Amino acid sequence: MSIGRTALVLGSIALIAALGSFAIRRAIIASDERLGREKFGQQIAEQIEQLRQSNQQQQQLQARRAALEQIRDSLARNPQDTSLLPLIGSLQIEVGDTLAALATYQRYIDSLGSPNVVALTDYAFLLYATGERTRGFHLTERAIRQAPSYQIALYNMAVMEFDRGRIAQAIAWMERCRAVDSSSAMGRLAQRAIEQLRQMQRDSS
């Protein structure tokens, strides 16, 4: 375990202990000790869970950064292997390096006549989110032509239509997304979005 990670773990343990002793003291002086312990014991559990999730997120981020460096090294040794580019772009998004991800996806798209639809969809939405809305919109249309049942592209198109103030069109795209597979994660997200969008329509009428 690295020094930094050891310090993080020890710091988390110390904080948990401090929170626990503080909560117990509060419980002891409560007028109803049993209720006090239940109340503050729940707070301890919630705080410990928050710390655990935060620690997991940090570990996952470090793991993604390490994986990104390894794949970059592989690409540097074999620059013609463009199949690595979508994975690099995806990891760059996950570690928060949006500009680098844009450049990586651009390189991948330019290297192929018919790029991977997942990479094309990610690249299109990155473009849209960073201000190149028209290009992002048209590339999403291209992704859907290439893979009409790719739910993420259908969902992204709905989001773009909503962003443009076209609620009816957004609902139509969400319905297409849901129709592909209503039981998938994207299908369930689309269903919730449809309900919210229809409520917006009712509220505005």
Protein backbone atom coordinates (compact mmCIF):
# COMPACT_ATOMS: atom_id res chain seq x y z
CA MET A 1 0.00 0.00 0.00
CA SER A 2 1.41 3.43 -0.93
CA ILE A 3 2.15 6.10 1.68
CA GLY A 4 -0.63 8.29 0.27
CA ARG A 5 -3.18 5.48 0.38
CA THR A 6 -2.05 4.48 3.90
CA ALA A 7 -2.53 8.05 5.08
CA LEU A 8 -5.98 8.16 3.48
CA VAL A 9 -7.05 4.91 5.16
CA LEU A 10 -5.66 5.93 8.56
CA GLY A 11 -7.30 9.32 8.24
CA SER A 12 -10.62 7.68 7.46
CA ILE A 13 -10.32 5.36 10.48
CA ALA A 14 -9.48 8.28 12.75
CA LEU A 15 -12.44 10.26 11.45
CA ILE A 16 -14.80 7.33 11.92
CA ALA A 17 -13.56 6.89 15.50
CA ALA A 18 -14.03 10.58 16.21
CA LEU A 19 -17.52 10.56 14.76
CA GLY A 20 -18.38 7.47 16.76
CA SER A 21 -17.17 8.81 20.10
CA PHE A 22 -18.92 12.14 19.48
CA ALA A 23 -22.21 10.43 18.65
CA ILE A 24 -22.02 8.16 21.68
CA ARG A 25 -21.39 11.12 24.00
CA ARG A 26 -24.40 12.86 22.51
CA ALA A 27 -26.47 9.73 23.01
CA ILE A 28 -25.43 9.33 26.66
CA ILE A 29 -26.59 12.81 27.59
CA ALA A 30 -29.85 12.47 25.65
CA SER A 31 -32.96 12.40 27.82
CA ASP A 32 -33.86 9.03 26.37
CA GLU A 33 -30.59 7.10 26.11
CA ARG A 34 -32.04 4.30 24.00
CA LEU A 35 -33.54 6.66 21.45
CA GLY A 36 -30.38 8.72 21.51
CA ARG A 37 -28.25 5.71 20.71
CA GLU A 38 -30.58 4.67 17.89
CA LYS A 39 -30.55 8.15 16.39
CA PHE A 40 -26.82 8.76 16.53
CA GLY A 41 -25.99 5.16 15.73
CA GLN A 42 -27.83 5.65 12.44
CA GLN A 43 -25.82 8.81 11.81
CA ILE A 44 -22.60 6.89 12.41
CA ALA A 45 -23.67 4.20 9.95
CA GLU A 46 -24.53 6.81 7.32
CA GLN A 47 -21.23 8.66 7.80
CA ILE A 48 -19.23 5.43 7.62
CA GLU A 49 -21.04 4.51 4.39
CA GLN A 50 -20.26 7.94 2.92
CA LEU A 51 -16.59 7.53 3.80
CA ARG A 52 -16.55 4.02 2.32
CA GLN A 53 -18.07 5.23 -0.94
CA SER A 54 -15.66 8.16 -1.12
CA ASN A 55 -12.70 5.84 -0.59
CA GLN A 56 -13.99 3.45 -3.25
CA GLN A 57 -14.40 6.30 -5.73
CA GLN A 58 -10.83 7.44 -5.12
CA GLN A 59 -9.52 3.91 -5.59
CA GLN A 60 -11.53 3.49 -8.80
CA LEU A 61 -10.22 6.80 -10.13
CA GLN A 62 -6.63 5.78 -9.38
CA ALA A 63 -7.21 2.42 -11.07
CA ARG A 64 -8.61 4.10 -14.19
CA ARG A 65 -5.67 6.47 -14.37
CA ALA A 66 -3.24 3.56 -14.06
CA ALA A 67 -5.09 1.64 -16.79
CA LEU A 68 -5.07 4.73 -18.99
CA GLU A 69 -1.30 5.06 -18.69
CA GLN A 70 -0.80 1.38 -19.53
CA ILE A 71 -2.96 1.60 -22.64
CA ARG A 72 -1.24 4.81 -23.73
CA ASP A 73 2.09 3.02 -23.43
CA SER A 74 0.74 0.17 -25.57
CA LEU A 75 -0.43 2.65 -28.21
CA ALA A 76 2.93 4.43 -28.16
CA ARG A 77 4.64 1.11 -28.91
CA ASN A 78 2.18 0.36 -31.70
CA PRO A 79 0.73 3.66 -32.99
CA GLN A 80 -1.07 1.94 -35.87
CA ASP A 81 -3.32 0.02 -33.48
CA THR A 82 -6.25 2.44 -33.56
CA SER A 83 -8.48 -0.12 -31.85
CA LEU A 84 -7.08 1.16 -28.55
CA LEU A 85 -8.32 4.70 -29.13
CA PRO A 86 -11.98 4.22 -28.09
CA LEU A 87 -10.88 2.68 -24.80
CA ILE A 88 -8.44 5.52 -24.19
CA GLY A 89 -11.15 8.07 -24.96
CA SER A 90 -13.59 6.37 -22.61
CA LEU A 91 -11.06 6.32 -19.77
CA GLN A 92 -10.18 9.96 -20.40
CA ILE A 93 -13.85 10.86 -19.94
CA GLU A 94 -14.00 8.87 -16.71
CA VAL A 95 -10.95 10.64 -15.23
CA GLY A 96 -12.32 14.04 -16.27
CA ASP A 97 -9.96 14.87 -19.15
CA THR A 98 -12.62 15.98 -21.64
CA LEU A 99 -10.34 17.86 -24.03
CA ALA A 100 -8.00 14.89 -24.35
CA ALA A 101 -10.98 12.59 -24.93
CA LEU A 102 -12.21 14.84 -27.75
CA ALA A 103 -8.80 14.68 -29.44
CA THR A 104 -8.62 10.91 -29.01
CA TYR A 105 -12.07 10.29 -30.46
CA GLN A 106 -11.35 12.69 -33.32
CA ARG A 107 -8.22 10.73 -34.16
CA TYR A 108 -10.19 7.48 -34.08
CA ILE A 109 -13.07 8.79 -36.21
CA ASP A 110 -10.63 10.19 -38.76
CA SER A 111 -8.76 6.89 -38.98
CA LEU A 112 -11.80 4.85 -40.01
CA GLY A 113 -14.51 5.20 -42.60
CA SER A 114 -17.10 3.49 -40.39
CA PRO A 115 -16.03 3.87 -36.75
CA ASN A 116 -17.28 1.92 -33.75
CA VAL A 117 -20.78 3.21 -32.97
CA VAL A 118 -20.01 3.42 -29.24
CA ALA A 119 -17.02 5.68 -29.87
CA LEU A 120 -18.95 7.71 -32.43
CA THR A 121 -21.82 8.23 -29.98
CA ASP A 122 -19.50 9.26 -27.15
CA TYR A 123 -17.62 11.64 -29.41
CA ALA A 124 -20.83 13.18 -30.72
CA PHE A 125 -22.16 13.85 -27.24
CA LEU A 126 -18.82 15.30 -26.12
CA LEU A 127 -18.93 17.69 -29.05
CA TYR A 128 -22.49 18.69 -28.23
CA ALA A 129 -21.72 19.17 -24.54
CA THR A 130 -18.67 21.33 -25.26
CA GLY A 131 -20.48 23.73 -27.58
CA GLU A 132 -20.30 22.13 -31.02
CA ARG A 133 -24.01 21.37 -30.93
CA THR A 134 -24.74 21.13 -34.65
CA ARG A 135 -21.86 18.77 -35.34
CA GLY A 136 -22.65 16.68 -32.27
CA PHE A 137 -26.29 16.42 -33.31
CA HIS A 138 -25.46 15.31 -36.85
CA LEU A 139 -22.90 12.76 -35.66
CA THR A 140 -25.52 11.32 -33.31
CA GLU A 141 -27.86 10.99 -36.29
CA ARG A 142 -25.05 9.19 -38.12
CA ALA A 143 -24.58 6.82 -35.16
CA ILE A 144 -28.29 5.99 -35.19
CA ARG A 145 -28.22 5.31 -38.94
CA GLN A 146 -25.29 3.00 -38.33
CA ALA A 147 -26.93 1.23 -35.36
CA PRO A 148 -30.68 2.02 -35.13
CA SER A 149 -31.09 -0.02 -31.95
CA TYR A 150 -28.21 1.50 -29.98
CA GLN A 151 -30.08 2.83 -26.96
CA ILE A 152 -27.47 5.30 -25.75
CA ALA A 153 -27.49 7.10 -29.11
CA LEU A 154 -31.30 7.20 -29.08
CA TYR A 155 -31.31 8.52 -25.52
CA ASN A 156 -28.67 11.13 -26.35
CA MET A 157 -30.74 12.32 -29.30
CA ALA A 158 -33.69 12.80 -26.95
CA VAL A 159 -31.52 14.82 -24.58
CA MET A 160 -30.34 17.03 -27.43
CA GLU A 161 -33.90 17.61 -28.64
CA PHE A 162 -34.95 18.54 -25.11
CA ASP A 163 -32.00 20.93 -24.87
CA ARG A 164 -33.27 22.59 -28.05
CA GLY A 165 -36.70 23.04 -26.48
CA ARG A 166 -38.39 20.37 -28.63
CA ILE A 167 -40.19 18.33 -25.97
CA ALA A 168 -42.44 16.38 -28.36
CA GLN A 169 -39.42 15.24 -30.37
CA ALA A 170 -37.56 14.38 -27.16
CA ILE A 171 -40.45 12.17 -26.07
CA ALA A 172 -40.49 10.45 -29.46
CA TRP A 173 -36.79 9.61 -29.20
CA MET A 174 -37.18 8.40 -25.61
CA GLU A 175 -40.01 6.15 -26.78
CA ARG A 176 -37.76 4.71 -29.49
CA CYS A 177 -35.09 4.09 -26.87
CA ARG A 178 -37.56 2.35 -24.56
CA ALA A 179 -39.01 0.28 -27.40
CA VAL A 180 -35.64 -1.35 -28.09
CA ASP A 181 -35.55 -2.92 -24.61
CA SER A 182 -37.74 -1.53 -21.84
CA SER A 183 -36.07 -3.74 -19.22
CA SER A 184 -32.51 -2.51 -19.81
CA ALA A 185 -30.92 0.27 -17.76
CA MET A 186 -31.35 2.71 -20.65
CA GLY A 187 -34.92 1.54 -21.22
CA ARG A 188 -35.80 2.24 -17.60
CA LEU A 189 -34.12 5.65 -17.75
CA ALA A 190 -36.08 6.44 -20.89
CA GLN A 191 -39.34 5.46 -19.19
CA ARG A 192 -38.66 7.83 -16.29
CA ALA A 193 -37.69 10.58 -18.69
CA ILE A 194 -40.91 10.07 -20.69
CA GLU A 195 -42.98 10.46 -17.54
CA GLN A 196 -41.16 13.66 -16.59
CA LEU A 197 -41.38 15.11 -20.08
CA ARG A 198 -45.09 14.39 -20.33
CA GLN A 199 -45.61 16.04 -16.96
CA MET A 200 -43.78 19.09 -18.29
CA GLN A 201 -46.11 19.12 -21.29
CA ARG A 202 -49.15 18.99 -19.02
CA ASP A 203 -47.81 21.74 -16.77
CA SER A 204 -47.15 24.03 -19.71
CA SER A 205 -50.54 23.52 -21.38
